Structures are given as C-alpha cells and as structure tokens.
N, C-alpha and C. Protein backbone atom coordinates (compact mmCIF):
# COMPACT_ATOMS: atom_id res chain seq x y z
N MET A 1 126.91 -57.24 -27.74
CA MET A 1 128.38 -57.96 -27.19
C MET A 1 128.25 -59.44 -27.65
N HIS A 2 129.26 -59.72 -28.76
CA HIS A 2 128.99 -61.12 -28.92
C HIS A 2 129.87 -61.75 -28.29
N PRO A 3 129.13 -63.11 -27.97
CA PRO A 3 129.95 -64.12 -26.95
C PRO A 3 131.18 -64.41 -27.34
N LYS A 4 132.08 -64.91 -26.56
CA LYS A 4 133.43 -65.05 -26.64
C LYS A 4 133.72 -66.51 -27.53
N PRO A 5 134.71 -66.83 -28.45
CA PRO A 5 134.55 -68.26 -29.18
C PRO A 5 134.59 -69.30 -28.52
N LYS A 6 135.17 -69.46 -27.25
CA LYS A 6 135.60 -70.30 -26.27
C LYS A 6 134.12 -70.72 -25.67
N GLU A 7 133.17 -69.62 -25.26
CA GLU A 7 132.29 -69.89 -24.56
C GLU A 7 131.12 -70.47 -25.74
N LYS A 8 131.20 -69.85 -26.90
CA LYS A 8 129.96 -70.53 -28.10
C LYS A 8 130.45 -71.70 -28.13
N GLU A 9 131.48 -71.92 -28.21
CA GLU A 9 131.90 -73.55 -28.58
C GLU A 9 131.72 -74.49 -27.57
N VAL A 10 132.07 -74.04 -26.15
CA VAL A 10 131.26 -74.76 -24.81
C VAL A 10 129.84 -75.01 -25.21
N LYS A 11 129.31 -73.88 -25.38
CA LYS A 11 127.78 -74.38 -25.28
C LYS A 11 127.54 -74.91 -26.75
N LYS A 12 128.07 -74.71 -27.75
CA LYS A 12 127.21 -75.85 -29.02
C LYS A 12 127.77 -77.32 -28.59
N ALA A 13 128.65 -77.40 -28.03
CA ALA A 13 129.46 -78.92 -27.59
C ALA A 13 128.40 -79.56 -26.53
N ASP A 14 127.92 -78.34 -25.71
CA ASP A 14 126.98 -78.78 -24.52
C ASP A 14 125.37 -79.52 -25.36
N LEU A 15 125.18 -78.63 -26.71
CA LEU A 15 123.88 -78.74 -27.34
C LEU A 15 124.00 -79.86 -27.86
N GLU A 16 125.10 -80.10 -28.27
CA GLU A 16 125.19 -81.60 -29.05
C GLU A 16 125.40 -82.93 -28.10
N ILE A 17 125.36 -82.86 -27.09
CA ILE A 17 125.51 -83.81 -26.11
C ILE A 17 124.08 -83.81 -25.86
N LEU A 18 123.29 -82.58 -25.81
CA LEU A 18 121.62 -82.81 -25.55
C LEU A 18 121.29 -83.52 -26.63
N ARG A 19 121.35 -83.09 -27.85
CA ARG A 19 120.96 -83.75 -29.30
C ARG A 19 121.13 -85.34 -29.33
N LEU A 20 122.56 -85.86 -28.72
CA LEU A 20 122.92 -87.02 -28.77
C LEU A 20 121.77 -88.00 -27.90
N GLU A 21 121.45 -87.32 -26.69
CA GLU A 21 121.00 -87.95 -25.57
C GLU A 21 119.52 -87.99 -26.30
N GLU A 22 119.28 -87.24 -26.94
CA GLU A 22 117.63 -87.26 -27.44
C GLU A 22 117.65 -88.21 -28.34
N SER A 23 118.52 -88.60 -28.94
CA SER A 23 118.67 -89.38 -30.49
C SER A 23 118.73 -90.92 -29.43
N ARG A 24 119.29 -91.13 -28.53
CA ARG A 24 119.23 -92.31 -27.79
C ARG A 24 117.82 -92.46 -26.82
N GLY A 25 117.30 -91.40 -26.88
CA GLY A 25 115.87 -91.88 -26.36
C GLY A 25 115.77 -91.39 -24.61
N ASN A 26 116.89 -90.59 -24.58
CA ASN A 26 116.84 -90.26 -22.73
C ASN A 26 116.18 -89.25 -22.62
N ILE A 27 116.17 -88.14 -23.29
CA ILE A 27 115.33 -86.91 -23.04
C ILE A 27 114.87 -86.50 -23.99
N ARG A 28 113.73 -85.27 -23.87
CA ARG A 28 112.81 -84.78 -24.94
C ARG A 28 113.35 -83.44 -25.50
N LEU A 29 113.52 -82.72 -26.61
CA LEU A 29 114.18 -81.52 -26.67
C LEU A 29 113.03 -81.03 -27.25
N LYS A 30 112.88 -79.51 -27.19
CA LYS A 30 112.09 -78.57 -27.40
C LYS A 30 112.65 -77.48 -27.74
N TYR A 31 112.12 -76.43 -28.71
CA TYR A 31 112.86 -75.21 -29.14
C TYR A 31 111.94 -73.75 -29.22
N LEU A 32 112.21 -73.05 -28.06
CA LEU A 32 111.30 -71.97 -27.95
C LEU A 32 112.01 -70.55 -28.41
N ASP A 33 110.98 -70.04 -29.20
CA ASP A 33 111.11 -68.43 -29.89
C ASP A 33 110.03 -67.73 -30.40
N GLU A 34 110.38 -66.71 -30.21
CA GLU A 34 109.25 -65.49 -30.75
C GLU A 34 109.70 -64.98 -32.01
N ALA A 35 108.64 -64.49 -32.66
CA ALA A 35 108.52 -64.00 -34.27
C ALA A 35 107.65 -63.02 -34.36
N GLY A 36 107.70 -62.03 -35.24
CA GLY A 36 106.94 -61.04 -35.36
C GLY A 36 106.45 -60.64 -36.95
N PHE A 37 105.11 -60.40 -36.80
CA PHE A 37 104.11 -60.19 -38.19
C PHE A 37 103.70 -58.96 -38.08
N SER A 38 103.64 -57.77 -39.64
CA SER A 38 103.16 -56.79 -39.45
C SER A 38 101.90 -56.62 -40.60
N LEU A 39 101.13 -55.35 -40.59
CA LEU A 39 100.17 -55.72 -42.03
C LEU A 39 100.77 -55.81 -42.84
N TRP A 40 101.79 -54.83 -43.20
CA TRP A 40 102.80 -54.55 -44.26
C TRP A 40 103.60 -55.93 -44.55
N SER A 41 103.69 -56.06 -46.03
CA SER A 41 104.91 -57.12 -46.29
C SER A 41 106.26 -56.69 -46.28
N PRO A 42 107.20 -57.32 -45.55
CA PRO A 42 108.59 -57.14 -45.57
C PRO A 42 109.22 -57.63 -47.15
N VAL A 43 109.79 -56.47 -47.64
CA VAL A 43 110.21 -56.87 -48.88
C VAL A 43 111.28 -57.98 -48.88
N SER A 44 112.23 -58.45 -47.92
CA SER A 44 112.77 -59.63 -47.69
C SER A 44 111.93 -60.66 -48.32
N TYR A 45 110.70 -60.87 -47.97
CA TYR A 45 110.03 -61.71 -48.18
C TYR A 45 108.83 -61.77 -49.33
N THR A 46 109.19 -61.04 -50.48
CA THR A 46 108.42 -60.96 -51.56
C THR A 46 109.33 -61.26 -52.76
N TYR A 47 108.73 -62.13 -53.67
CA TYR A 47 109.55 -62.61 -54.76
C TYR A 47 108.85 -61.72 -56.10
N ILE A 48 109.95 -61.71 -57.10
CA ILE A 48 109.36 -61.19 -58.56
C ILE A 48 110.53 -61.70 -59.58
N LYS A 49 110.18 -62.05 -60.65
CA LYS A 49 111.00 -62.38 -61.92
C LYS A 49 112.23 -61.85 -62.02
N MET A 50 113.19 -62.14 -62.52
CA MET A 50 114.45 -61.48 -62.92
C MET A 50 114.30 -60.41 -63.80
N GLY A 51 114.63 -58.97 -63.21
CA GLY A 51 114.45 -57.96 -64.34
C GLY A 51 113.25 -56.94 -64.18
N GLU A 52 112.46 -57.65 -63.63
CA GLU A 52 111.32 -56.92 -63.09
C GLU A 52 111.28 -56.12 -61.94
N GLN A 53 110.49 -54.97 -61.79
CA GLN A 53 110.47 -53.74 -60.85
C GLN A 53 109.69 -54.55 -59.84
N LYS A 54 110.13 -54.25 -58.75
CA LYS A 54 109.08 -54.80 -57.52
C LYS A 54 108.02 -53.63 -56.98
N LEU A 55 107.05 -53.65 -57.12
CA LEU A 55 105.96 -52.86 -56.91
C LEU A 55 104.70 -53.57 -56.27
N ILE A 56 104.85 -53.39 -54.86
CA ILE A 56 104.05 -54.27 -54.14
C ILE A 56 103.10 -53.03 -53.21
N PRO A 57 101.91 -52.79 -53.44
CA PRO A 57 100.79 -51.99 -52.60
C PRO A 57 101.00 -52.34 -51.19
N GLN A 58 101.46 -51.17 -50.24
CA GLN A 58 101.28 -51.40 -48.56
C GLN A 58 100.22 -51.07 -48.18
N SER A 59 99.66 -51.36 -47.14
CA SER A 59 98.48 -50.89 -46.54
C SER A 59 99.09 -49.73 -45.35
N LYS A 60 98.47 -48.72 -45.67
CA LYS A 60 98.57 -47.47 -45.35
C LYS A 60 98.52 -47.50 -43.59
N LYS A 61 97.83 -48.42 -43.12
CA LYS A 61 97.57 -48.38 -41.37
C LYS A 61 99.03 -49.49 -41.16
N ARG A 62 99.60 -48.99 -40.19
CA ARG A 62 100.70 -49.90 -39.91
C ARG A 62 100.28 -50.64 -38.57
N GLY A 63 99.38 -50.25 -37.89
CA GLY A 63 99.09 -51.29 -36.72
C GLY A 63 99.74 -51.98 -35.75
N LYS A 64 99.02 -52.76 -35.01
CA LYS A 64 100.32 -53.06 -33.92
C LYS A 64 100.88 -54.53 -34.54
N ARG A 65 102.12 -54.76 -33.73
CA ARG A 65 102.85 -55.82 -34.60
C ARG A 65 102.22 -56.94 -33.77
N LEU A 66 101.83 -58.04 -34.39
CA LEU A 66 101.64 -59.21 -33.95
C LEU A 66 102.78 -60.17 -33.56
N ASN A 67 103.10 -60.67 -32.34
CA ASN A 67 104.08 -61.64 -31.85
C ASN A 67 103.14 -63.06 -31.78
N ILE A 68 104.29 -64.37 -31.90
CA ILE A 68 103.88 -65.42 -32.03
C ILE A 68 105.22 -65.88 -30.90
N LEU A 69 104.58 -66.71 -30.04
CA LEU A 69 105.67 -67.24 -29.23
C LEU A 69 105.39 -68.92 -29.43
N GLY A 70 106.66 -69.48 -29.71
CA GLY A 70 106.38 -71.01 -30.37
C GLY A 70 107.30 -71.90 -29.44
N ILE A 71 106.73 -73.18 -29.21
CA ILE A 71 107.37 -74.40 -28.66
C ILE A 71 107.38 -75.33 -29.34
N TYR A 72 108.12 -75.94 -29.87
CA TYR A 72 108.61 -76.54 -31.33
C TYR A 72 109.36 -77.80 -30.61
N GLU A 73 108.39 -79.10 -30.73
CA GLU A 73 109.15 -80.37 -30.97
C GLU A 73 109.05 -80.61 -32.32
N PRO A 74 110.56 -80.61 -33.07
CA PRO A 74 110.46 -81.05 -34.42
C PRO A 74 109.86 -82.28 -35.03
N LYS A 75 108.73 -82.22 -36.13
CA LYS A 75 108.32 -82.87 -36.58
C LYS A 75 106.98 -83.80 -35.70
N LYS A 76 106.55 -83.08 -34.44
CA LYS A 76 105.86 -83.77 -33.32
C LYS A 76 104.65 -82.68 -32.92
N SER A 77 105.22 -81.54 -32.69
CA SER A 77 104.20 -80.49 -32.24
C SER A 77 104.72 -79.15 -32.30
N LEU A 78 104.05 -78.24 -31.99
CA LEU A 78 104.39 -76.72 -32.01
C LEU A 78 103.17 -76.16 -31.13
N ASN A 79 103.48 -75.74 -29.87
CA ASN A 79 102.59 -75.23 -29.16
C ASN A 79 102.56 -73.66 -29.24
N TYR A 80 101.54 -72.83 -29.21
CA TYR A 80 102.02 -71.45 -29.39
C TYR A 80 101.34 -70.39 -28.92
N ALA A 81 101.19 -68.98 -28.79
CA ALA A 81 100.76 -68.10 -28.34
C ALA A 81 100.74 -67.01 -29.21
N LEU A 82 99.95 -65.91 -29.37
CA LEU A 82 99.67 -64.57 -30.10
C LEU A 82 99.39 -63.66 -29.11
N ALA A 83 100.05 -62.45 -29.62
CA ALA A 83 100.03 -61.22 -28.78
C ALA A 83 99.97 -60.30 -29.89
N LEU A 84 99.33 -59.21 -29.05
CA LEU A 84 99.74 -57.86 -29.95
C LEU A 84 100.39 -57.14 -29.07
N GLY A 85 101.82 -56.71 -29.55
CA GLY A 85 102.73 -56.30 -28.93
C GLY A 85 103.35 -57.68 -28.04
N SER A 86 104.46 -56.76 -27.24
CA SER A 86 105.36 -57.90 -26.91
C SER A 86 104.57 -58.88 -25.79
N PHE A 87 105.23 -60.23 -25.54
CA PHE A 87 104.69 -60.97 -24.38
C PHE A 87 105.23 -60.37 -22.95
N LYS A 88 104.37 -60.57 -22.09
CA LYS A 88 104.59 -60.29 -20.78
C LYS A 88 105.35 -61.15 -20.02
N LYS A 89 106.18 -60.80 -19.11
CA LYS A 89 106.74 -61.87 -18.35
C LYS A 89 105.90 -62.96 -17.59
N GLU A 90 104.75 -62.39 -16.91
CA GLU A 90 103.88 -63.31 -16.59
C GLU A 90 103.10 -64.33 -17.59
N SER A 91 102.91 -63.80 -18.73
CA SER A 91 102.31 -64.46 -19.86
C SER A 91 103.46 -65.66 -20.12
N PHE A 92 104.54 -65.52 -20.07
CA PHE A 92 105.98 -66.19 -20.59
C PHE A 92 105.69 -67.30 -19.59
N ILE A 93 105.72 -67.03 -18.20
CA ILE A 93 105.84 -67.86 -17.15
C ILE A 93 104.35 -68.98 -17.37
N LYS A 94 103.63 -68.22 -17.43
CA LYS A 94 102.22 -69.20 -17.85
C LYS A 94 102.26 -70.05 -18.63
N ILE A 95 103.10 -69.93 -19.56
CA ILE A 95 103.40 -70.71 -20.99
C ILE A 95 104.06 -71.74 -20.41
N LEU A 96 105.27 -71.66 -19.55
CA LEU A 96 106.36 -72.54 -19.33
C LEU A 96 105.68 -73.28 -18.18
N ASP A 97 104.72 -72.72 -17.22
CA ASP A 97 103.75 -73.71 -16.16
C ASP A 97 103.16 -74.72 -16.76
N LYS A 98 102.53 -74.39 -18.32
CA LYS A 98 101.82 -75.24 -18.95
C LYS A 98 102.72 -76.48 -19.44
N GLU A 99 103.79 -76.06 -19.81
CA GLU A 99 104.53 -76.83 -20.28
C GLU A 99 105.08 -78.06 -19.38
N ALA A 100 105.78 -77.37 -18.14
CA ALA A 100 105.90 -77.81 -17.04
C ALA A 100 104.96 -79.08 -16.57
N GLU A 101 103.39 -78.95 -16.54
CA GLU A 101 102.61 -79.93 -16.29
C GLU A 101 102.70 -81.06 -17.32
N GLU A 102 102.72 -80.54 -18.73
CA GLU A 102 102.70 -81.65 -19.49
C GLU A 102 104.39 -82.40 -19.58
N ALA A 103 105.37 -81.71 -19.23
CA ALA A 103 106.94 -82.54 -19.07
C ALA A 103 106.31 -83.29 -17.75
N ALA A 104 105.61 -83.25 -16.73
CA ALA A 104 105.55 -83.94 -15.52
C ALA A 104 104.55 -85.30 -16.12
N ARG A 105 103.61 -85.09 -16.86
CA ARG A 105 102.83 -86.32 -17.56
C ARG A 105 103.68 -87.20 -18.70
N HIS A 106 104.49 -86.45 -19.34
CA HIS A 106 105.43 -87.10 -20.33
C HIS A 106 106.61 -87.95 -19.30
N ARG A 107 107.21 -87.53 -18.32
CA ARG A 107 107.74 -88.29 -17.63
C ARG A 107 107.34 -89.33 -16.93
N THR A 108 106.33 -89.18 -16.65
CA THR A 108 105.31 -90.46 -16.11
C THR A 108 105.04 -91.37 -16.75
N GLU A 109 104.98 -90.96 -18.27
CA GLU A 109 104.80 -92.03 -19.16
C GLU A 109 105.78 -92.74 -19.93
N THR A 110 106.97 -92.00 -19.80
CA THR A 110 108.26 -92.33 -20.62
C THR A 110 109.42 -91.98 -19.84
N GLY A 111 109.61 -91.47 -18.62
CA GLY A 111 110.68 -91.57 -17.90
C GLY A 111 111.56 -90.54 -18.51
N ARG A 112 111.27 -89.62 -19.24
CA ARG A 112 112.33 -88.84 -20.04
C ARG A 112 111.94 -87.39 -19.58
N GLU A 113 113.05 -86.67 -19.26
CA GLU A 113 112.82 -85.29 -19.02
C GLU A 113 112.92 -84.44 -20.03
N THR A 114 112.43 -82.92 -20.09
CA THR A 114 112.24 -81.99 -21.30
C THR A 114 113.07 -81.15 -20.85
N VAL A 115 113.73 -80.91 -21.94
CA VAL A 115 114.48 -79.52 -22.13
C VAL A 115 114.13 -78.99 -22.97
N ILE A 116 113.85 -77.50 -22.78
CA ILE A 116 113.33 -76.48 -23.63
C ILE A 116 114.85 -75.51 -24.16
N ILE A 117 115.34 -75.43 -25.63
CA ILE A 117 116.07 -74.65 -25.72
C ILE A 117 115.38 -73.10 -26.14
N LEU A 118 116.33 -72.18 -25.68
CA LEU A 118 116.18 -70.60 -25.96
C LEU A 118 116.99 -69.97 -25.94
N ASP A 119 116.80 -68.49 -26.61
CA ASP A 119 117.89 -67.85 -26.52
C ASP A 119 118.00 -67.16 -25.14
N ASN A 120 118.62 -65.70 -25.39
CA ASN A 120 118.88 -64.89 -24.15
C ASN A 120 118.30 -64.00 -24.02
N TYR A 121 116.84 -63.90 -24.54
CA TYR A 121 116.20 -62.70 -24.30
C TYR A 121 115.59 -62.03 -23.36
N SER A 122 115.73 -60.62 -22.78
CA SER A 122 115.67 -60.09 -21.53
C SER A 122 114.68 -61.05 -20.89
N ILE A 123 113.52 -61.38 -21.17
CA ILE A 123 112.50 -62.06 -20.50
C ILE A 123 112.46 -63.55 -20.04
N HIS A 124 113.39 -64.08 -20.95
CA HIS A 124 113.76 -65.42 -20.47
C HIS A 124 114.80 -65.55 -19.68
N LYS A 125 115.34 -64.60 -19.19
CA LYS A 125 116.32 -64.78 -17.89
C LYS A 125 116.02 -63.71 -17.19
N SER A 126 114.79 -63.12 -16.75
CA SER A 126 114.38 -62.30 -15.49
C SER A 126 114.41 -62.82 -14.65
N HIS A 127 114.10 -62.21 -13.38
CA HIS A 127 114.04 -62.89 -12.09
C HIS A 127 113.37 -63.78 -12.01
N GLN A 128 111.88 -63.14 -12.14
CA GLN A 128 110.67 -63.59 -12.00
C GLN A 128 110.85 -65.39 -12.77
N VAL A 129 111.46 -65.41 -13.88
CA VAL A 129 111.54 -66.57 -14.19
C VAL A 129 112.63 -67.45 -13.74
N GLN A 130 113.57 -67.01 -13.29
CA GLN A 130 114.93 -67.87 -12.61
C GLN A 130 114.18 -68.40 -11.20
N SER A 131 113.26 -67.79 -10.66
CA SER A 131 112.57 -67.97 -9.40
C SER A 131 111.86 -69.42 -9.63
N GLN A 132 111.34 -69.44 -10.64
CA GLN A 132 110.42 -70.69 -11.10
C GLN A 132 111.34 -71.70 -11.54
N GLU A 133 112.71 -71.81 -12.16
CA GLU A 133 112.95 -72.75 -12.61
C GLU A 133 113.11 -74.27 -11.71
N LYS A 134 113.32 -73.78 -10.42
CA LYS A 134 113.22 -75.15 -9.39
C LYS A 134 112.08 -76.21 -9.60
N ALA A 135 110.74 -75.07 -9.66
CA ALA A 135 109.63 -76.05 -9.54
C ALA A 135 109.76 -76.77 -10.92
N TRP A 136 110.04 -76.04 -11.99
CA TRP A 136 109.90 -76.62 -13.41
C TRP A 136 110.62 -78.02 -13.61
N GLN A 137 112.07 -77.50 -12.82
CA GLN A 137 112.76 -78.65 -12.78
C GLN A 137 112.34 -80.03 -12.11
N GLU A 138 111.71 -79.94 -11.00
CA GLU A 138 111.02 -80.93 -9.87
C GLU A 138 109.68 -81.52 -10.94
N SER A 139 109.37 -80.60 -12.14
CA SER A 139 108.24 -81.38 -12.74
C SER A 139 108.87 -82.31 -14.21
N GLY A 140 110.12 -81.92 -14.06
CA GLY A 140 110.64 -82.79 -15.25
C GLY A 140 111.32 -81.58 -16.73
N LEU A 141 110.96 -80.38 -16.44
CA LEU A 141 111.20 -79.47 -17.39
C LEU A 141 112.62 -78.43 -16.89
N TYR A 142 113.24 -78.63 -18.02
CA TYR A 142 114.75 -77.79 -17.96
C TYR A 142 114.91 -76.72 -19.05
N LEU A 143 115.79 -75.56 -18.31
CA LEU A 143 116.06 -74.61 -19.76
C LEU A 143 117.29 -74.60 -20.12
N PHE A 144 117.80 -74.87 -21.40
CA PHE A 144 118.96 -74.43 -21.86
C PHE A 144 119.13 -73.77 -22.88
N PHE A 145 120.08 -72.48 -22.18
CA PHE A 145 120.31 -70.95 -22.93
C PHE A 145 121.03 -71.18 -24.19
N LEU A 146 121.18 -70.92 -25.28
CA LEU A 146 121.94 -70.96 -26.41
C LEU A 146 122.99 -69.71 -26.29
N PRO A 147 124.20 -70.03 -26.76
CA PRO A 147 124.97 -68.93 -26.83
C PRO A 147 124.39 -67.55 -27.67
N THR A 148 124.76 -66.49 -27.48
CA THR A 148 123.93 -65.10 -27.93
C THR A 148 124.47 -65.21 -29.18
N TYR A 149 123.42 -64.50 -29.91
CA TYR A 149 123.67 -64.15 -31.58
C TYR A 149 123.76 -65.72 -32.36
N SER A 150 122.91 -66.55 -32.06
CA SER A 150 123.10 -67.90 -32.51
C SER A 150 121.91 -68.70 -32.93
N PRO A 151 121.00 -67.67 -33.79
CA PRO A 151 119.71 -68.05 -34.06
C PRO A 151 119.52 -69.45 -35.03
N GLU A 152 120.96 -69.87 -35.74
CA GLU A 152 120.74 -70.93 -36.30
C GLU A 152 120.96 -72.49 -35.47
N LEU A 153 121.24 -72.28 -34.51
CA LEU A 153 121.28 -73.18 -33.39
C LEU A 153 119.68 -73.87 -33.03
N ASN A 154 118.90 -72.71 -32.86
CA ASN A 154 117.48 -72.83 -32.97
C ASN A 154 116.52 -73.50 -33.77
N LEU A 155 116.20 -74.91 -33.74
CA LEU A 155 115.51 -75.28 -34.90
C LEU A 155 113.98 -74.88 -35.42
N ILE A 156 113.38 -73.99 -34.54
CA ILE A 156 112.13 -73.33 -34.59
C ILE A 156 112.45 -72.40 -35.64
N GLU A 157 113.17 -71.90 -35.75
CA GLU A 157 113.75 -70.80 -36.54
C GLU A 157 113.44 -71.20 -38.40
N GLY A 158 113.42 -72.71 -38.70
CA GLY A 158 113.47 -72.90 -40.05
C GLY A 158 111.42 -72.73 -40.14
N GLU A 159 110.96 -73.22 -38.83
CA GLU A 159 109.69 -73.15 -39.01
C GLU A 159 109.19 -71.52 -39.47
N TRP A 160 109.77 -70.44 -38.58
CA TRP A 160 109.02 -69.36 -39.01
C TRP A 160 109.69 -69.04 -40.16
N HIS A 161 110.65 -69.25 -40.72
CA HIS A 161 111.08 -68.75 -42.30
C HIS A 161 110.09 -69.31 -43.15
N GLN A 162 109.63 -70.81 -42.83
CA GLN A 162 108.88 -71.03 -44.04
C GLN A 162 107.29 -70.58 -43.68
N ILE A 163 107.01 -70.17 -42.81
CA ILE A 163 105.67 -69.67 -42.64
C ILE A 163 105.74 -67.84 -43.35
N LYS A 164 106.79 -67.39 -42.83
CA LYS A 164 107.06 -65.83 -43.23
C LYS A 164 107.21 -65.93 -44.90
N ALA A 165 107.90 -66.86 -45.48
CA ALA A 165 108.52 -66.92 -46.79
C ALA A 165 107.87 -67.47 -47.81
N HIS A 166 107.02 -68.35 -47.30
CA HIS A 166 106.18 -69.09 -48.10
C HIS A 166 104.67 -69.32 -48.15
N GLU A 167 104.10 -68.60 -46.81
CA GLU A 167 102.84 -68.52 -46.40
C GLU A 167 102.20 -67.02 -46.18
N ILE A 168 103.01 -66.14 -45.90
CA ILE A 168 102.82 -64.59 -45.73
C ILE A 168 103.54 -63.94 -46.78
N SER A 169 104.13 -64.38 -47.17
CA SER A 169 104.71 -63.66 -48.23
C SER A 169 104.15 -62.76 -49.26
N GLY A 170 104.02 -61.49 -49.31
CA GLY A 170 103.47 -60.49 -50.31
C GLY A 170 101.84 -60.33 -50.00
N ARG A 171 101.65 -60.81 -49.12
CA ARG A 171 100.28 -60.41 -48.62
C ARG A 171 100.13 -59.48 -47.76
N MET A 172 99.01 -58.55 -48.19
CA MET A 172 98.47 -57.57 -47.21
C MET A 172 97.28 -57.68 -46.45
N PHE A 173 97.20 -57.13 -45.24
CA PHE A 173 96.03 -57.11 -44.15
C PHE A 173 95.62 -55.90 -43.77
N GLU A 174 94.25 -55.80 -43.77
CA GLU A 174 93.74 -54.41 -43.57
C GLU A 174 93.80 -54.21 -41.87
N ASP A 175 93.72 -55.04 -41.14
CA ASP A 175 93.50 -54.98 -39.78
C ASP A 175 94.28 -56.36 -39.28
N GLU A 176 94.38 -55.69 -37.68
CA GLU A 176 95.10 -57.16 -37.01
C GLU A 176 94.42 -58.26 -36.78
N TYR A 177 92.86 -58.30 -37.24
CA TYR A 177 92.25 -59.66 -36.91
C TYR A 177 92.42 -60.28 -38.19
N ASP A 178 92.33 -59.70 -39.37
CA ASP A 178 92.81 -60.41 -40.80
C ASP A 178 94.12 -61.03 -40.72
N LEU A 179 95.15 -60.10 -39.76
CA LEU A 179 96.66 -60.86 -39.83
C LEU A 179 96.64 -62.13 -38.83
N VAL A 180 96.12 -62.13 -37.79
CA VAL A 180 95.74 -63.12 -36.96
C VAL A 180 95.29 -64.12 -37.70
N LEU A 181 93.92 -64.35 -38.26
CA LEU A 181 93.38 -65.51 -39.34
C LEU A 181 94.51 -65.92 -40.28
N ALA A 182 95.22 -65.01 -40.66
CA ALA A 182 96.05 -65.62 -41.72
C ALA A 182 97.50 -66.13 -41.16
N VAL A 183 97.82 -66.41 -40.23
CA VAL A 183 98.92 -66.47 -39.45
C VAL A 183 98.42 -67.88 -38.94
N LYS A 184 97.44 -68.18 -38.32
CA LYS A 184 96.42 -69.23 -37.72
C LYS A 184 96.50 -70.21 -39.31
N GLU A 185 96.09 -69.70 -39.90
CA GLU A 185 96.03 -70.53 -41.44
C GLU A 185 97.17 -71.04 -41.94
N SER A 186 98.14 -70.13 -41.88
CA SER A 186 99.40 -69.97 -41.95
C SER A 186 100.05 -71.62 -41.31
N LEU A 187 100.12 -71.51 -40.10
CA LEU A 187 100.46 -72.29 -39.07
C LEU A 187 99.60 -73.72 -39.28
N LYS A 188 98.27 -73.87 -39.42
CA LYS A 188 97.58 -74.83 -39.93
C LYS A 188 98.07 -75.52 -41.02
N ASN A 189 98.07 -74.85 -42.15
CA ASN A 189 99.00 -75.24 -43.49
C ASN A 189 100.07 -76.03 -43.12
N ARG A 190 101.21 -75.44 -42.36
CA ARG A 190 102.40 -76.03 -42.44
C ARG A 190 102.22 -77.15 -41.46
N SER A 191 101.77 -77.21 -40.42
CA SER A 191 101.37 -78.26 -39.47
C SER A 191 101.09 -79.47 -40.28
N GLY A 192 100.35 -79.16 -41.36
CA GLY A 192 99.65 -80.06 -42.39
C GLY A 192 100.63 -81.05 -42.86
N GLN A 193 101.50 -79.87 -43.53
CA GLN A 193 102.50 -80.36 -44.37
C GLN A 193 103.58 -81.06 -43.76
N VAL A 194 103.96 -80.74 -42.62
CA VAL A 194 104.92 -81.47 -41.68
C VAL A 194 104.25 -82.68 -41.16
N GLY A 195 103.44 -82.55 -40.63
CA GLY A 195 102.81 -83.51 -39.81
C GLY A 195 102.95 -83.75 -38.52
N TYR A 196 102.63 -82.55 -37.94
CA TYR A 196 103.13 -82.13 -36.27
C TYR A 196 101.56 -81.99 -35.70
N CYS A 197 101.53 -82.02 -34.53
CA CYS A 197 100.54 -81.41 -33.98
C CYS A 197 100.42 -79.80 -33.66
N LEU A 198 99.17 -79.05 -33.44
CA LEU A 198 99.31 -77.78 -33.39
C LEU A 198 98.19 -77.35 -32.33
N GLN A 199 98.69 -76.56 -31.30
CA GLN A 199 97.84 -76.49 -30.24
C GLN A 199 98.50 -75.00 -29.91
N GLN A 200 97.24 -74.03 -29.61
CA GLN A 200 97.47 -72.66 -28.97
C GLN A 200 97.08 -72.48 -27.70
N PHE A 201 98.27 -71.73 -27.16
CA PHE A 201 97.76 -71.82 -25.60
C PHE A 201 96.61 -70.58 -25.42
N LYS A 202 96.08 -70.64 -24.43
CA LYS A 202 94.90 -69.55 -23.82
C LYS A 202 95.36 -68.87 -22.99
N LEU A 203 95.73 -67.69 -23.10
CA LEU A 203 96.39 -66.65 -22.28
C LEU A 203 95.46 -65.60 -21.45
N ASN A 204 95.20 -65.05 -20.54
CA ASN A 204 94.63 -63.91 -20.35
C ASN A 204 94.93 -62.63 -20.95
N GLN A 205 96.28 -62.42 -21.14
CA GLN A 205 96.73 -61.27 -22.13
C GLN A 205 96.27 -61.26 -23.19
N THR A 206 96.38 -60.37 -24.01
CA THR A 206 95.53 -59.94 -25.29
C THR A 206 96.33 -61.07 -26.12
N SER A 207 95.76 -62.23 -26.08
CA SER A 207 96.54 -63.13 -26.80
C SER A 207 96.06 -64.04 -27.77
N LEU A 208 94.62 -63.25 -28.14
CA LEU A 208 94.48 -63.09 -29.74
C LEU A 208 93.65 -64.81 -29.81
N ASN A 209 92.76 -65.30 -28.97
CA ASN A 209 92.44 -66.43 -29.00
C ASN A 209 91.13 -66.75 -30.18
N ILE A 210 91.34 -66.50 -31.24
CA ILE A 210 90.49 -66.38 -32.20
C ILE A 210 90.39 -67.15 -32.99
N GLU A 211 89.13 -67.90 -33.12
CA GLU A 211 88.90 -69.34 -33.42
C GLU A 211 89.13 -69.19 -35.13
N GLY A 212 89.92 -69.97 -35.91
CA GLY A 212 89.91 -69.84 -37.47
C GLY A 212 91.09 -70.77 -37.98
C-alpha cells in the first residue's frame, strides 16, 4: 500500500526541516538501511558494449544471501554489520544500542542530538524496538521514519549503488567467505574514495566478523 500523497509530502517536509537544522549545526543526521548480495551476479549490475551478447558464467552454488546493515553519516562515517540471512530484532537493537552510546558521547562533546533516518521495514517498527526508543532518546538518539516506498530519500542508497554497480558488478564468488571478503574490500575502497571512516559492528549473531 503506497502512502497517501499528503502523508508523503508532510514527511518530506519534515525531512527538509531536519536537513536544514543539520546545515545550521543544530543536529546530526545519519541514514540506516539494509542491502543484500548473492554469490551470482545480478544482470542489472553487469555491463557490456552495445551490440554484444551478454554471456556471464554464473556460480552453480546459490548459497545464502549476504545482508549488510549500514548507518551512514554522509562523507563522515559508515558503520556496518554483515550477516548471512536476515538480521534479527535482537541484533538490530544491539546496533542501535551502540549508536545510542556514541550519540550520548557526541551530545556531550557538541551539544547536538543525533537523528537516524530509516525506512518502515517490519523489524524497524517492531514492538521490541519501540520499547527501546525512550531510552535511546534519553541518550540523544532519535529515529525518523521515511514515508513508505521512498528509497530516494535515504542517502545511504547511493553508497549501496556504488558498491553494487562499480565494485561487485560482474564478479562471481565460490562461497560466502569469498563474498564477505569482496564486500568488505568494496566498502574499504569506497570509504577511501569518499574519505569517510569505516567501522564494523561486532555482533553475537552470525555477523561474519571476518578480518580482511
């Protein structure tokens, strides 16, 4: 179900106010989102010369889907976690707990609150997450939910596109371990190009804390 036009416009206006406050140095904005990677290469992220037939050998092994959850402060930092399969509610809460700890330190140093902008994925709005919001707010961390079906408003989407289209595109992987290393290498390359700080969350879930 798509959002009503008026509801979407109200949310977009609220987001513009947040961005204005950020530009004035009153708050800090971060953008949260998940993305996925597979052992085989999606056709949409491969490139050929005009007129040539696209023949890309795919891995026979489909493997488990590798998911990444990232929290992005444009041109400053990208904190992320990796997991085979979907992220659990408990892991999502642990990630936001860590962000709340960092937000509290940031508020002490700068006086600025932190707002994380994210979509309406079911885990993001679960009862368990909602029950933690007050504690996070007391630490200086707030959540702002985008209107539904509005990925273009989430600035981290541009980072996922760059990694998928320019770093991972056309590459085949024998197993999940190789895929993890490639994604981490891509994140490192991208952070070097843009100049932001890269940090991986350490979780108890199968979060693939692989060095590389």
